[in-house]
N, C-alpha and C. Protein backbone atom coordinates (compact mmCIF):
# COMPACT_ATOMS: atom_id res chain seq x y z
N UNK A 1 10.87 -25.44 -6.41
CA UNK A 1 10.86 -24.18 -6.09
C UNK A 1 10.40 -23.43 -7.04
N UNK A 2 9.76 -22.40 -7.47
CA UNK A 2 9.44 -21.84 -8.65
C UNK A 2 9.90 -20.78 -8.63
N UNK A 3 11.02 -19.92 -10.02
CA UNK A 3 11.70 -18.84 -9.94
C UNK A 3 10.78 -17.77 -9.57
N UNK A 4 11.64 -16.77 -9.35
CA UNK A 4 11.22 -15.12 -8.73
C UNK A 4 10.89 -14.79 -10.01
N UNK A 5 9.25 -13.99 -9.89
CA UNK A 5 9.14 -13.26 -11.47
C UNK A 5 9.98 -12.09 -11.26
N UNK A 6 10.65 -11.51 -10.85
CA UNK A 6 11.54 -10.32 -10.84
C UNK A 6 13.06 -10.65 -11.62
N UNK A 7 13.52 -11.98 -11.25
CA UNK A 7 14.20 -12.59 -11.89
C UNK A 7 14.05 -13.43 -13.20
N UNK A 8 13.13 -14.09 -13.37
CA UNK A 8 12.82 -14.73 -14.25
C UNK A 8 12.44 -13.62 -15.69
N UNK A 9 12.23 -12.58 -15.28
CA UNK A 9 12.16 -11.11 -16.79
C UNK A 9 12.19 -10.19 -15.90
N UNK A 10 13.52 -10.06 -16.32
CA UNK A 10 14.11 -8.94 -15.79
C UNK A 10 13.79 -7.58 -15.96
N UNK A 11 13.37 -7.51 -17.58
CA UNK A 11 12.94 -6.69 -18.14
C UNK A 11 11.49 -5.96 -17.73
N UNK A 12 10.84 -7.14 -17.63
CA UNK A 12 9.48 -6.78 -16.89
C UNK A 12 9.85 -6.29 -15.88
N UNK A 13 10.22 -6.84 -14.77
CA UNK A 13 10.45 -6.51 -13.51
C UNK A 13 10.89 -5.01 -13.62
N UNK A 14 12.23 -4.43 -14.44
CA UNK A 14 12.53 -2.89 -14.87
C UNK A 14 11.07 -2.10 -15.20
N UNK A 15 10.53 -2.60 -16.01
CA UNK A 15 8.91 -1.63 -16.36
C UNK A 15 8.17 -1.60 -15.70
N UNK A 16 8.06 -2.80 -14.21
CA UNK A 16 6.91 -2.67 -13.26
C UNK A 16 7.58 -1.40 -12.39
N UNK A 17 9.11 -1.65 -12.21
CA UNK A 17 9.46 -0.31 -11.29
C UNK A 17 9.55 1.42 -11.97
N UNK A 18 9.82 1.03 -13.60
CA UNK A 18 9.38 2.27 -13.70
C UNK A 18 7.86 2.73 -13.82
N UNK A 19 6.79 1.96 -13.72
CA UNK A 19 5.82 2.19 -13.37
C UNK A 19 5.05 2.52 -12.56
N UNK A 20 6.05 1.67 -11.21
CA UNK A 20 5.49 2.28 -9.51
C UNK A 20 5.91 3.86 -9.58
N UNK A 21 7.86 4.13 -9.77
CA UNK A 21 7.80 5.22 -9.55
C UNK A 21 7.07 6.33 -10.11
N UNK A 22 6.63 6.01 -11.67
CA UNK A 22 5.88 7.08 -12.38
C UNK A 22 4.20 7.25 -11.89
N UNK A 23 3.83 6.35 -10.89
CA UNK A 23 2.64 6.67 -10.12
C UNK A 23 2.86 6.97 -9.05
N UNK A 24 4.08 6.98 -8.23
CA UNK A 24 4.42 7.54 -6.68
C UNK A 24 4.64 9.42 -7.03
N UNK A 25 5.02 9.29 -8.43
CA UNK A 25 5.35 10.47 -8.88
C UNK A 25 3.93 11.78 -8.75
N UNK A 26 3.56 11.14 -9.60
CA UNK A 26 1.97 11.38 -9.84
C UNK A 26 1.16 11.65 -9.25
N UNK A 27 1.10 10.46 -7.79
CA UNK A 27 0.33 10.77 -6.36
C UNK A 27 1.02 12.14 -6.18
N UNK A 28 2.45 12.33 -5.87
CA UNK A 28 2.64 13.42 -5.44
C UNK A 28 2.18 14.75 -5.89
N UNK A 29 2.73 14.71 -7.18
CA UNK A 29 1.71 15.65 -7.68
C UNK A 29 0.52 16.01 -7.93
N UNK A 30 -0.15 14.85 -7.04
CA UNK A 30 -2.07 15.32 -7.25
C UNK A 30 -1.94 15.78 -5.70
N UNK A 31 -0.88 15.54 -4.90
CA UNK A 31 -1.28 15.74 -3.32
C UNK A 31 -1.76 14.75 -2.42
N UNK A 32 -0.97 13.68 -2.91
CA UNK A 32 -1.04 13.00 -2.03
C UNK A 32 0.08 12.75 -1.37
N UNK A 33 0.36 12.65 0.27
CA UNK A 33 1.42 12.51 0.89
C UNK A 33 1.90 11.37 1.04
N UNK A 34 3.20 11.16 1.28
CA UNK A 34 3.93 9.59 1.28
C UNK A 34 3.23 9.26 2.17
N UNK A 35 3.22 9.88 3.36
CA UNK A 35 2.56 8.86 4.58
C UNK A 35 0.90 8.36 4.22
N UNK A 36 0.21 9.20 3.71
CA UNK A 36 -0.99 8.82 2.80
C UNK A 36 -0.82 7.26 1.27
N UNK A 37 0.36 7.60 1.10
CA UNK A 37 0.70 6.17 0.14
C UNK A 37 0.96 5.04 0.91
N UNK A 38 1.72 5.63 1.81
CA UNK A 38 1.88 4.43 2.64
C UNK A 38 1.49 3.53 3.46
N UNK A 39 0.16 4.15 3.85
CA UNK A 39 -1.36 3.91 4.29
C UNK A 39 -1.42 2.73 3.67
N UNK A 40 -1.58 2.80 2.65
CA UNK A 40 -2.67 2.58 1.10
C UNK A 40 -1.59 1.06 1.13
N UNK A 41 -0.02 1.11 1.13
CA UNK A 41 0.45 -0.11 0.73
C UNK A 41 0.49 -0.86 2.10
N UNK A 42 0.67 -0.69 3.29
CA UNK A 42 0.75 -1.09 4.21
C UNK A 42 -1.27 -1.93 4.14
N UNK A 43 -2.41 -1.17 3.98
CA UNK A 43 -3.00 -1.98 4.14
C UNK A 43 -3.46 -2.74 3.48
N UNK A 44 -3.29 -2.99 2.10
CA UNK A 44 -3.46 -3.68 0.90
C UNK A 44 -2.91 -4.90 1.10
N UNK A 45 -1.81 -4.81 1.52
CA UNK A 45 -0.65 -5.93 1.84
C UNK A 45 -0.87 -6.69 2.90
N UNK A 46 -2.13 -6.16 4.00
CA UNK A 46 -2.16 -6.87 5.21
C UNK A 46 -3.28 -7.65 4.81
N UNK A 47 -4.32 -6.91 3.79
CA UNK A 47 -5.57 -7.23 2.97
C UNK A 47 -4.90 -9.02 2.16
N UNK A 48 -3.86 -8.74 1.49
CA UNK A 48 -4.01 -9.68 0.69
C UNK A 48 -2.73 -10.75 1.63
N UNK A 49 -2.40 -10.32 2.56
CA UNK A 49 -1.20 -11.21 3.01
C UNK A 49 0.24 -11.48 2.61
N UNK A 50 0.48 -10.31 1.87
CA UNK A 50 2.02 -10.51 1.90
C UNK A 50 2.99 -9.73 2.80
N UNK A 51 3.72 -10.73 3.10
CA UNK A 51 4.70 -10.47 4.15
C UNK A 51 5.99 -9.80 3.96
N UNK A 52 5.99 -10.05 2.40
CA UNK A 52 7.48 -9.15 1.89
C UNK A 52 7.41 -7.51 2.39
N UNK A 53 5.81 -7.26 1.48
CA UNK A 53 5.58 -6.29 1.30
C UNK A 53 5.44 -4.90 2.34
N UNK A 54 4.83 -6.64 3.47
CA UNK A 54 4.18 -5.49 4.85
C UNK A 54 5.50 -5.62 5.54
N UNK A 55 6.73 -6.33 5.30
CA UNK A 55 7.76 -6.24 6.03
C UNK A 55 8.34 -4.94 5.35
N UNK A 56 8.80 -4.67 4.02
CA UNK A 56 8.87 -3.03 3.43
C UNK A 56 8.56 -1.99 3.82
N UNK A 57 7.05 -2.36 3.81
CA UNK A 57 6.13 -0.92 3.85
C UNK A 57 6.10 -0.56 5.11
N UNK A 58 6.15 -1.25 6.50
CA UNK A 58 5.96 -1.15 7.60
C UNK A 58 7.24 0.23 8.15
N UNK A 59 8.49 -0.35 7.36
CA UNK A 59 9.93 0.00 7.85
C UNK A 59 9.63 1.71 6.80
N UNK A 60 9.41 1.72 5.66
CA UNK A 60 9.26 2.99 5.32
C UNK A 60 8.12 4.14 5.67
N UNK A 61 6.87 2.95 6.08
CA UNK A 61 5.86 4.09 6.80
C UNK A 61 6.62 4.68 8.10
N UNK A 62 7.59 4.26 8.90
CA UNK A 62 7.94 4.60 10.29
C UNK A 62 9.58 5.75 9.38
N UNK A 63 9.48 5.03 8.04
CA UNK A 63 10.81 6.10 8.02
C UNK A 63 10.14 7.75 7.22
N UNK A 64 8.75 7.86 6.76
CA UNK A 64 8.18 8.56 6.57
C UNK A 64 7.24 9.41 7.76
N UNK A 65 7.31 8.98 8.53
CA UNK A 65 7.26 9.31 10.13
C UNK A 65 5.76 9.27 10.70
N UNK A 66 5.06 7.97 10.28
CA UNK A 66 4.18 7.34 10.59
C UNK A 66 4.32 6.97 12.44
N UNK A 67 3.55 7.15 12.84
CA UNK A 67 3.71 6.69 14.35
C UNK A 67 3.74 5.00 14.58
N UNK A 68 4.35 4.16 15.33
CA UNK A 68 4.09 2.92 15.54
C UNK A 68 2.87 2.67 15.70
N UNK A 69 2.08 3.59 16.50
CA UNK A 69 0.43 2.66 17.16
C UNK A 69 -0.32 3.01 15.66
N UNK A 70 -0.04 3.57 14.76
CA UNK A 70 -1.06 4.46 13.81
C UNK A 70 -0.72 2.63 12.75
N UNK A 71 0.35 2.24 13.14
CA UNK A 71 0.78 1.01 12.07
C UNK A 71 0.31 0.11 12.63
N UNK A 72 0.37 -0.12 14.09
CA UNK A 72 -0.14 -1.52 14.71
C UNK A 72 -1.87 -1.77 14.61
N UNK A 73 -2.35 -0.24 14.41
CA UNK A 73 -3.93 -0.39 14.39
C UNK A 73 -4.71 -0.33 13.30
N UNK A 74 -3.71 -0.55 11.98
CA UNK A 74 -4.07 -0.22 10.97
C UNK A 74 -5.26 -1.22 10.64
N UNK A 75 -5.06 -2.87 10.80
CA UNK A 75 -5.98 -3.68 10.85
C UNK A 75 -7.76 -3.00 11.35
N UNK A 76 -7.92 -1.92 12.32
CA UNK A 76 -8.74 -1.92 13.32
C UNK A 76 -9.04 -0.56 12.99
N UNK A 77 -9.02 -0.08 12.00
CA UNK A 77 -8.74 1.36 11.74
C UNK A 77 -10.20 2.19 11.84
N UNK A 78 -11.58 1.47 11.80
CA UNK A 78 -12.63 2.24 11.79
C UNK A 78 -12.99 2.12 12.94
N UNK A 79 -12.21 1.19 13.80
CA UNK A 79 -12.66 1.35 15.31
C UNK A 79 -12.13 2.59 15.98
N UNK A 80 -11.24 2.83 15.66
CA UNK A 80 -10.52 4.32 16.28
C UNK A 80 -10.72 5.81 15.86
N UNK A 81 -10.51 6.25 16.15
CA UNK A 81 -10.72 7.91 16.32
C UNK A 81 -9.25 8.46 15.89
N UNK A 82 -8.04 7.57 15.97
CA UNK A 82 -6.59 8.08 15.50
C UNK A 82 -6.53 8.49 14.28
N UNK A 83 -7.13 7.99 13.40
CA UNK A 83 -6.44 8.82 12.46
C UNK A 83 -7.43 9.49 11.56
N UNK A 84 -7.08 10.69 10.60
CA UNK A 84 -7.29 11.93 10.23
C UNK A 84 -8.52 11.32 8.84
N UNK A 85 -9.18 12.39 8.87
CA UNK A 85 -10.42 12.14 7.58
C UNK A 85 -9.90 11.74 6.37
N UNK A 86 -8.49 11.96 6.07
CA UNK A 86 -7.67 11.99 5.08
C UNK A 86 -7.28 10.49 5.01
N UNK A 87 -7.00 10.05 6.34
CA UNK A 87 -6.22 8.95 6.33
C UNK A 87 -7.43 7.59 5.95
N UNK A 88 -8.51 8.11 6.30
CA UNK A 88 -9.31 6.95 6.48
C UNK A 88 -9.83 6.78 5.15
N UNK A 89 -10.21 8.39 4.66
CA UNK A 89 -10.18 8.39 2.60
C UNK A 89 -9.29 6.99 2.23
N UNK A 90 -7.97 7.05 2.62
CA UNK A 90 -7.28 6.39 1.66
C UNK A 90 -7.41 5.32 1.94
N UNK A 91 -7.40 4.89 3.55
CA UNK A 91 -7.94 3.65 3.79
C UNK A 91 -8.52 3.32 3.08
N UNK A 92 -10.04 3.52 3.09
CA UNK A 92 -11.00 3.15 2.05
C UNK A 92 -10.84 2.47 0.93
N UNK A 93 -10.00 3.39 0.55
CA UNK A 93 -9.50 2.97 -0.87
C UNK A 93 -8.83 1.77 -1.39
N UNK A 94 -7.94 1.68 -0.51
CA UNK A 94 -6.99 0.61 -0.18
C UNK A 94 -7.59 -0.72 -0.36
N UNK A 95 -8.90 -0.64 0.79
CA UNK A 95 -9.50 -2.18 0.80
C UNK A 95 -10.24 -2.10 -0.63
N UNK A 96 -11.46 -1.35 -0.67
CA UNK A 96 -12.40 -1.26 -1.87
C UNK A 96 -11.42 -1.65 -2.83
N UNK A 97 -10.64 -0.87 -2.75
CA UNK A 97 -9.42 -1.56 -4.46
C UNK A 97 -8.86 -3.14 -4.43
N UNK A 98 -8.78 -3.48 -3.18
CA UNK A 98 -8.15 -5.24 -2.80
C UNK A 98 -9.41 -6.21 -2.63
N UNK A 99 -10.59 -5.81 -2.46
CA UNK A 99 -11.27 -6.75 -2.15
C UNK A 99 -12.47 -6.60 -3.35
N UNK A 100 -12.07 -7.05 -4.49
CA UNK A 100 -12.89 -6.93 -5.37
C UNK A 100 -13.81 -7.88 -5.35
N UNK A 101 -15.11 -7.94 -6.36
CA UNK A 101 -15.49 -6.92 -6.86
C UNK A 101 -16.39 -5.87 -5.89
N UNK A 102 -16.45 -4.43 -6.47
CA UNK A 102 -17.44 -3.42 -5.38
C UNK A 102 -18.38 -4.07 -4.94
N UNK A 103 -18.73 -3.77 -3.62
CA UNK A 103 -19.89 -4.12 -3.10
C UNK A 103 -20.58 -2.69 -2.73
N UNK A 104 -21.80 -2.29 -2.49
CA UNK A 104 -22.26 -0.94 -2.10
C UNK A 104 -21.88 -0.42 -1.07
N UNK A 105 -21.72 -1.25 0.03
CA UNK A 105 -20.68 -0.99 1.02
C UNK A 105 -19.23 0.20 0.93
N UNK A 106 -18.82 -0.77 -0.41
CA UNK A 106 -17.66 -0.46 -0.91
C UNK A 106 -17.93 0.94 -1.80
N UNK A 107 -18.60 0.73 -2.84
CA UNK A 107 -19.32 2.43 -3.21
C UNK A 107 -19.40 3.39 -2.75
N UNK A 108 -19.88 2.83 -1.59
CA UNK A 108 -20.39 4.12 -0.47
C UNK A 108 -18.74 4.50 0.26
N UNK A 109 -18.32 3.94 0.36
CA UNK A 109 -16.60 4.31 1.21
C UNK A 109 -16.02 5.11 -0.35
N UNK A 110 -15.80 4.53 -1.40
CA UNK A 110 -15.21 5.22 -2.74
C UNK A 110 -15.71 6.76 -3.01
N UNK A 111 -17.35 6.68 -2.79
CA UNK A 111 -18.32 8.15 -2.70
C UNK A 111 -17.27 9.19 -1.70
N UNK A 112 -17.58 8.25 0.09
CA UNK A 112 -17.06 9.40 0.64
C UNK A 112 -15.64 9.89 0.82
N UNK A 113 -14.79 8.91 0.19
CA UNK A 113 -13.42 8.95 0.19
C UNK A 113 -13.29 10.31 -1.15
N UNK A 114 -13.72 10.40 -2.18
CA UNK A 114 -14.15 11.15 -3.37
C UNK A 114 -14.26 12.66 -2.49
N UNK A 115 -15.35 12.48 -1.74
CA UNK A 115 -15.44 13.64 -1.29
C UNK A 115 -14.47 14.37 -0.34
N UNK A 116 -14.06 13.80 0.20
CA UNK A 116 -12.91 14.02 1.13
C UNK A 116 -11.70 14.49 0.72
N UNK A 117 -11.44 13.58 -0.48
CA UNK A 117 -10.03 13.72 -1.39
C UNK A 117 -10.01 14.57 -2.26
N UNK A 118 -11.17 14.76 -3.19
CA UNK A 118 -11.39 15.17 -4.29
C UNK A 118 -10.51 14.94 -5.55
N UNK A 119 -11.29 15.34 -6.87
CA UNK A 119 -10.69 14.13 -7.92
C UNK A 119 -9.30 13.90 -7.90
N UNK A 120 -8.25 14.98 -7.91
CA UNK A 120 -6.76 14.49 -8.08
C UNK A 120 -6.37 13.79 -6.86
N UNK A 121 -6.25 13.83 -6.05
CA UNK A 121 -5.79 12.59 -5.06
C UNK A 121 -6.34 12.01 -4.72
N UNK A 122 -7.91 11.56 -5.08
CA UNK A 122 -8.45 10.24 -5.07
C UNK A 122 -7.86 9.45 -6.18
N UNK A 123 -7.80 9.94 -7.60
CA UNK A 123 -7.14 9.18 -8.49
C UNK A 123 -5.63 8.10 -8.48
N UNK A 124 -5.03 10.01 -7.40
CA UNK A 124 -4.15 9.06 -7.21
C UNK A 124 -3.60 7.59 -6.35
N UNK A 125 -4.66 8.24 -5.30
CA UNK A 125 -4.56 7.09 -4.12
C UNK A 125 -5.25 5.43 -4.75
N UNK A 126 -6.03 5.67 -6.10
CA UNK A 126 -6.72 5.04 -6.44
C UNK A 126 -5.18 3.85 -6.72
N UNK A 127 -4.90 4.86 -7.92
CA UNK A 127 -3.59 4.10 -9.11
C UNK A 127 -2.56 3.70 -7.51
N UNK A 128 -2.24 4.03 -6.85
CA UNK A 128 -1.27 3.45 -5.84
C UNK A 128 -1.79 1.81 -5.07
N UNK A 129 -3.17 1.95 -4.93
CA UNK A 129 -3.44 1.17 -4.53
C UNK A 129 -3.61 -0.21 -5.52
N UNK A 130 -3.83 0.28 -6.85
CA UNK A 130 -3.55 -0.80 -7.90
C UNK A 130 -1.99 -1.75 -7.81
N UNK A 131 -1.23 -0.16 -7.97
CA UNK A 131 0.10 -0.65 -8.26
C UNK A 131 0.42 -1.44 -7.08
N UNK A 132 0.20 -1.17 -5.48
CA UNK A 132 1.07 -1.87 -4.42
C UNK A 132 -0.25 -3.60 -4.96
N UNK A 133 -1.23 -3.80 -5.30
CA UNK A 133 -2.32 -4.99 -5.16
C UNK A 133 -1.09 -5.79 -6.62
N UNK A 134 -0.43 -4.91 -7.53
CA UNK A 134 0.42 -6.09 -8.34
C UNK A 134 1.29 -6.34 -7.79
N UNK A 135 2.47 -5.47 -7.06
CA UNK A 135 3.35 -6.14 -6.46
C UNK A 135 3.44 -7.22 -5.06
N UNK A 136 2.28 -6.80 -4.50
CA UNK A 136 1.68 -8.14 -3.59
C UNK A 136 1.39 -9.04 -4.51
N UNK A 137 1.12 -9.65 -5.42
CA UNK A 137 0.89 -10.20 -5.94
C UNK A 137 2.18 -11.17 -6.89
N UNK A 138 3.04 -10.35 -7.38
CA UNK A 138 4.40 -10.61 -7.71
C UNK A 138 5.44 -11.12 -6.58
N UNK A 139 4.97 -10.69 -5.06
CA UNK A 139 6.06 -10.92 -4.36
C UNK A 139 5.44 -12.53 -3.52
N UNK A 140 3.72 -12.30 -3.54
CA UNK A 140 3.44 -13.96 -3.19
C UNK A 140 3.79 -14.98 -4.34
N UNK A 141 3.11 -14.63 -4.92
CA UNK A 141 3.50 -16.30 -6.50
C UNK A 141 5.44 -16.34 -6.79
N UNK A 142 5.92 -15.03 -6.38
CA UNK A 142 7.58 -15.62 -6.36
C UNK A 142 7.71 -16.08 -5.12
N UNK A 143 6.92 -16.11 -3.76
CA UNK A 143 7.66 -16.20 -2.22
C UNK A 143 8.82 -15.72 -2.15
N UNK A 144 9.08 -14.25 -2.30
CA UNK A 144 10.04 -13.91 -1.66
C UNK A 144 9.80 -13.69 -0.18
N UNK A 145 11.19 -14.05 0.18
CA UNK A 145 11.92 -14.38 1.86
C UNK A 145 11.61 -13.27 2.52
N UNK A 146 11.29 -13.04 3.72
CA UNK A 146 11.16 -12.15 4.98
C UNK A 146 12.57 -12.17 5.26
N UNK A 147 13.75 -11.41 5.83
CA UNK A 147 15.05 -11.72 6.29
C UNK A 147 14.46 -11.30 7.73
N UNK A 148 15.24 -11.87 8.56
CA UNK A 148 15.27 -11.24 9.96
C UNK A 148 15.87 -10.19 10.29
N UNK A 149 15.66 -8.81 10.72
CA UNK A 149 15.82 -7.47 11.34
C UNK A 149 16.21 -7.21 12.75
N UNK A 150 17.30 -6.07 12.87
CA UNK A 150 16.89 -6.00 14.30
C UNK A 150 16.11 -4.69 14.13
N UNK A 151 16.26 -4.01 15.51
CA UNK A 151 15.07 -3.38 15.28
C UNK A 151 15.56 -1.61 14.82
N UNK A 152 16.52 -1.53 14.38
CA UNK A 152 17.05 -0.75 13.12
C UNK A 152 16.72 -1.03 11.82
N UNK A 153 16.17 -1.95 11.58
CA UNK A 153 16.03 -2.60 10.33
C UNK A 153 17.40 -3.34 9.58
N UNK A 154 18.38 -3.56 10.03
CA UNK A 154 19.56 -4.21 9.45
C UNK A 154 19.12 -5.94 9.68
N UNK A 155 19.29 -6.22 8.22
CA UNK A 155 19.67 -7.79 7.92
C UNK A 155 19.98 -7.76 9.12
N UNK A 156 20.05 -9.64 9.95
CA UNK A 156 20.47 -9.87 10.83
C UNK A 156 21.43 -11.34 9.46
N UNK A 157 22.20 -11.85 10.15
CA UNK A 157 22.96 -12.66 9.37
C UNK A 157 22.18 -14.07 10.02
């Protein structure tokens, strides 16, 4: 069994947490809502198949007021009209930042997202996507376990 990256280098893990908090604070200052940030985190975690981050961020998304239906439909967000223009913009950013290298389609998606969000929120959304991609990789490489929970989010024994 490999060591957890967060446990094997706690000073680096602390710096990663400080970095993440800085990105979250800047995202809020630049006009990105908590819900929009959670959409990015969930969609990125889905694409990376990071079970630990999906478990965490779907719970946080519900706590931020995102309806369960939207969480359930995230893999098919392009196939429904339930998502707002800003939500589709941040989801396009999440996908482009995760599925590298950029394609002509992803460049067009980013251009459209920039037109919707403007410079400030667009840059903030890219930083959120970059950050969750890093945390996905930490959790996947560490094989962080997902613990069973009840419907209220409490860990089961």
